[in-house]
N, C-alpha and C. Protein backbone atom coordinates (compact mmCIF):
# COMPACT_ATOMS: atom_id res chain seq x y z
N MET A 1 -4.93 6.38 0.06
CA MET A 1 -5.94 6.53 1.09
C MET A 1 -6.93 5.39 0.94
N LEU A 2 -7.08 4.59 1.99
CA LEU A 2 -7.94 3.41 1.90
C LEU A 2 -9.17 3.49 2.78
N GLY A 3 -9.19 4.35 3.75
CA GLY A 3 -10.36 4.49 4.59
C GLY A 3 -10.24 3.74 5.89
N GLU A 4 -10.69 2.50 5.93
CA GLU A 4 -10.72 1.74 7.17
C GLU A 4 -9.43 0.95 7.40
N ALA A 5 -9.02 0.85 8.67
CA ALA A 5 -7.77 0.20 9.04
C ALA A 5 -7.68 -1.26 8.60
N PRO A 6 -8.75 -2.07 8.76
CA PRO A 6 -8.61 -3.47 8.33
C PRO A 6 -8.28 -3.61 6.84
N LEU A 7 -8.84 -2.76 6.02
CA LEU A 7 -8.53 -2.80 4.58
C LEU A 7 -7.08 -2.41 4.35
N ALA A 8 -6.61 -1.40 5.04
CA ALA A 8 -5.21 -0.98 4.89
C ALA A 8 -4.26 -2.09 5.35
N GLN A 9 -4.62 -2.78 6.42
CA GLN A 9 -3.79 -3.87 6.91
C GLN A 9 -3.74 -5.02 5.91
N GLN A 10 -4.87 -5.35 5.32
CA GLN A 10 -4.90 -6.40 4.30
C GLN A 10 -4.09 -5.98 3.07
N PHE A 11 -4.25 -4.73 2.67
CA PHE A 11 -3.51 -4.19 1.53
C PHE A 11 -2.01 -4.33 1.79
N SER A 12 -1.59 -3.97 3.01
CA SER A 12 -0.18 -4.05 3.38
C SER A 12 0.32 -5.49 3.30
N ARG A 13 -0.44 -6.44 3.84
CA ARG A 13 -0.04 -7.86 3.79
C ARG A 13 0.08 -8.33 2.34
N ASP A 14 -0.89 -7.96 1.52
CA ASP A 14 -0.88 -8.39 0.12
C ASP A 14 0.28 -7.77 -0.65
N LEU A 15 0.58 -6.51 -0.36
CA LEU A 15 1.74 -5.88 -0.99
C LEU A 15 3.01 -6.65 -0.64
N PHE A 16 3.15 -6.99 0.64
CA PHE A 16 4.34 -7.71 1.09
C PHE A 16 4.48 -9.04 0.37
N GLU A 17 3.37 -9.74 0.17
CA GLU A 17 3.40 -11.00 -0.57
C GLU A 17 3.81 -10.80 -2.02
N ASN A 18 3.68 -9.56 -2.50
CA ASN A 18 4.06 -9.22 -3.87
C ASN A 18 5.39 -8.48 -3.93
N GLY A 19 6.16 -8.55 -2.84
CA GLY A 19 7.51 -8.02 -2.86
C GLY A 19 7.65 -6.54 -2.53
N VAL A 20 6.61 -5.93 -1.97
CA VAL A 20 6.67 -4.50 -1.66
C VAL A 20 6.33 -4.30 -0.18
N PHE A 21 7.17 -3.56 0.53
CA PHE A 21 6.88 -3.24 1.92
C PHE A 21 6.16 -1.90 1.97
N GLY A 22 4.89 -1.95 2.32
CA GLY A 22 4.08 -0.75 2.49
C GLY A 22 3.35 -0.87 3.82
N MET A 23 3.63 0.02 4.74
CA MET A 23 3.08 -0.05 6.09
C MET A 23 1.68 0.54 6.14
N ALA A 24 0.75 -0.21 6.75
CA ALA A 24 -0.59 0.30 6.97
C ALA A 24 -0.53 1.33 8.10
N ILE A 25 -1.12 2.49 7.89
CA ILE A 25 -1.15 3.56 8.89
C ILE A 25 -2.61 3.84 9.21
N GLY A 26 -2.97 3.70 10.46
CA GLY A 26 -4.35 3.93 10.89
C GLY A 26 -4.42 4.75 12.16
N PHE A 27 -5.60 4.85 12.70
CA PHE A 27 -5.84 5.58 13.94
C PHE A 27 -5.00 4.97 15.06
N PRO A 28 -4.33 5.73 15.89
CA PRO A 28 -4.44 7.17 16.10
C PRO A 28 -3.43 8.00 15.32
N THR A 29 -2.61 7.36 14.49
CA THR A 29 -1.64 8.13 13.70
C THR A 29 -2.33 9.04 12.71
N VAL A 30 -3.42 8.57 12.13
CA VAL A 30 -4.25 9.38 11.23
C VAL A 30 -5.68 9.32 11.76
N PRO A 31 -6.55 10.25 11.37
CA PRO A 31 -7.94 10.21 11.85
C PRO A 31 -8.65 8.92 11.45
N ARG A 32 -9.64 8.53 12.24
CA ARG A 32 -10.46 7.36 11.90
C ARG A 32 -11.03 7.55 10.48
N GLY A 33 -11.06 6.45 9.74
CA GLY A 33 -11.59 6.50 8.38
C GLY A 33 -10.62 7.05 7.35
N LYS A 34 -9.38 7.33 7.77
CA LYS A 34 -8.38 7.88 6.85
C LYS A 34 -7.14 6.99 6.77
N ALA A 35 -7.32 5.68 6.99
CA ALA A 35 -6.18 4.76 6.93
C ALA A 35 -5.56 4.78 5.55
N ARG A 36 -4.29 4.50 5.52
CA ARG A 36 -3.54 4.59 4.26
C ARG A 36 -2.33 3.68 4.28
N ILE A 37 -1.63 3.64 3.19
CA ILE A 37 -0.39 2.88 3.07
C ILE A 37 0.75 3.88 2.94
N ARG A 38 1.81 3.63 3.70
CA ARG A 38 3.00 4.48 3.63
C ARG A 38 4.16 3.66 3.08
N VAL A 39 4.81 4.19 2.07
CA VAL A 39 6.02 3.57 1.52
C VAL A 39 7.16 4.57 1.59
N MET A 40 8.35 4.05 1.61
CA MET A 40 9.55 4.90 1.64
C MET A 40 10.30 4.70 0.33
N ILE A 41 10.46 5.76 -0.40
CA ILE A 41 11.19 5.73 -1.66
C ILE A 41 12.48 6.50 -1.45
N SER A 42 13.57 5.95 -1.96
CA SER A 42 14.85 6.63 -1.81
C SER A 42 15.54 6.79 -3.16
N ALA A 43 16.59 7.58 -3.15
CA ALA A 43 17.35 7.83 -4.37
C ALA A 43 18.02 6.55 -4.88
N SER A 44 18.15 5.55 -4.03
CA SER A 44 18.79 4.31 -4.47
C SER A 44 17.85 3.40 -5.26
N HIS A 45 16.57 3.69 -5.26
CA HIS A 45 15.63 2.91 -6.05
C HIS A 45 15.81 3.24 -7.53
N GLN A 46 15.77 2.20 -8.33
CA GLN A 46 15.87 2.35 -9.78
C GLN A 46 14.46 2.40 -10.36
N LYS A 47 14.36 2.80 -11.63
CA LYS A 47 13.06 2.86 -12.30
C LYS A 47 12.36 1.50 -12.24
N GLU A 48 13.12 0.44 -12.39
CA GLU A 48 12.55 -0.91 -12.34
C GLU A 48 11.91 -1.19 -10.98
N ASP A 49 12.55 -0.70 -9.90
CA ASP A 49 11.99 -0.87 -8.55
C ASP A 49 10.65 -0.16 -8.44
N LEU A 50 10.60 1.05 -8.96
CA LEU A 50 9.36 1.83 -8.91
C LEU A 50 8.27 1.18 -9.76
N ASP A 51 8.66 0.68 -10.93
CA ASP A 51 7.69 -0.02 -11.78
C ASP A 51 7.14 -1.26 -11.08
N GLN A 52 8.01 -2.00 -10.38
CA GLN A 52 7.57 -3.19 -9.64
C GLN A 52 6.59 -2.78 -8.54
N GLY A 53 6.90 -1.69 -7.85
CA GLY A 53 6.01 -1.21 -6.79
C GLY A 53 4.66 -0.80 -7.33
N LEU A 54 4.65 -0.08 -8.42
CA LEU A 54 3.38 0.35 -9.02
C LEU A 54 2.57 -0.85 -9.50
N ALA A 55 3.25 -1.84 -10.06
CA ALA A 55 2.54 -3.04 -10.52
C ALA A 55 1.91 -3.77 -9.33
N ALA A 56 2.62 -3.84 -8.21
CA ALA A 56 2.08 -4.49 -7.02
C ALA A 56 0.88 -3.73 -6.48
N PHE A 57 0.97 -2.40 -6.43
CA PHE A 57 -0.17 -1.60 -5.98
C PHE A 57 -1.37 -1.82 -6.89
N ARG A 58 -1.13 -1.86 -8.19
CA ARG A 58 -2.21 -2.08 -9.15
C ARG A 58 -2.85 -3.45 -8.94
N LYS A 59 -2.04 -4.49 -8.83
CA LYS A 59 -2.53 -5.86 -8.65
C LYS A 59 -3.35 -5.99 -7.37
N VAL A 60 -2.80 -5.52 -6.26
CA VAL A 60 -3.49 -5.61 -4.97
C VAL A 60 -4.73 -4.73 -4.96
N GLY A 61 -4.62 -3.54 -5.50
CA GLY A 61 -5.76 -2.64 -5.55
C GLY A 61 -6.94 -3.23 -6.31
N HIS A 62 -6.66 -3.86 -7.43
CA HIS A 62 -7.71 -4.52 -8.20
C HIS A 62 -8.31 -5.69 -7.42
N ALA A 63 -7.44 -6.50 -6.83
CA ALA A 63 -7.89 -7.70 -6.10
C ALA A 63 -8.79 -7.33 -4.92
N LEU A 64 -8.49 -6.21 -4.26
CA LEU A 64 -9.27 -5.79 -3.10
C LEU A 64 -10.43 -4.84 -3.46
N GLY A 65 -10.56 -4.55 -4.73
CA GLY A 65 -11.66 -3.70 -5.18
C GLY A 65 -11.48 -2.23 -4.89
N VAL A 66 -10.24 -1.83 -4.63
CA VAL A 66 -9.93 -0.43 -4.37
C VAL A 66 -9.74 0.33 -5.67
N ILE A 67 -9.22 -0.38 -6.67
CA ILE A 67 -9.00 0.18 -8.00
C ILE A 67 -9.92 -0.57 -8.96
N GLN A 68 -10.62 0.16 -9.80
CA GLN A 68 -11.49 -0.50 -10.77
C GLN A 68 -10.83 -0.70 -12.10
């Protein structure tokens, strides 16, 4: 949950640059101020894939000040 759509859109772009596709979801799909990132995980993903995704979320989150 990121709050505002522009932040979610930037987060999505930065994730993509780090090898992870995470779609920014904002209004009207979700209420205003409740923008978020949606990812699709499947049974074909390996632990290494999930670790890479988490590392990308951590890196981007820190860079954008979402994670301290």
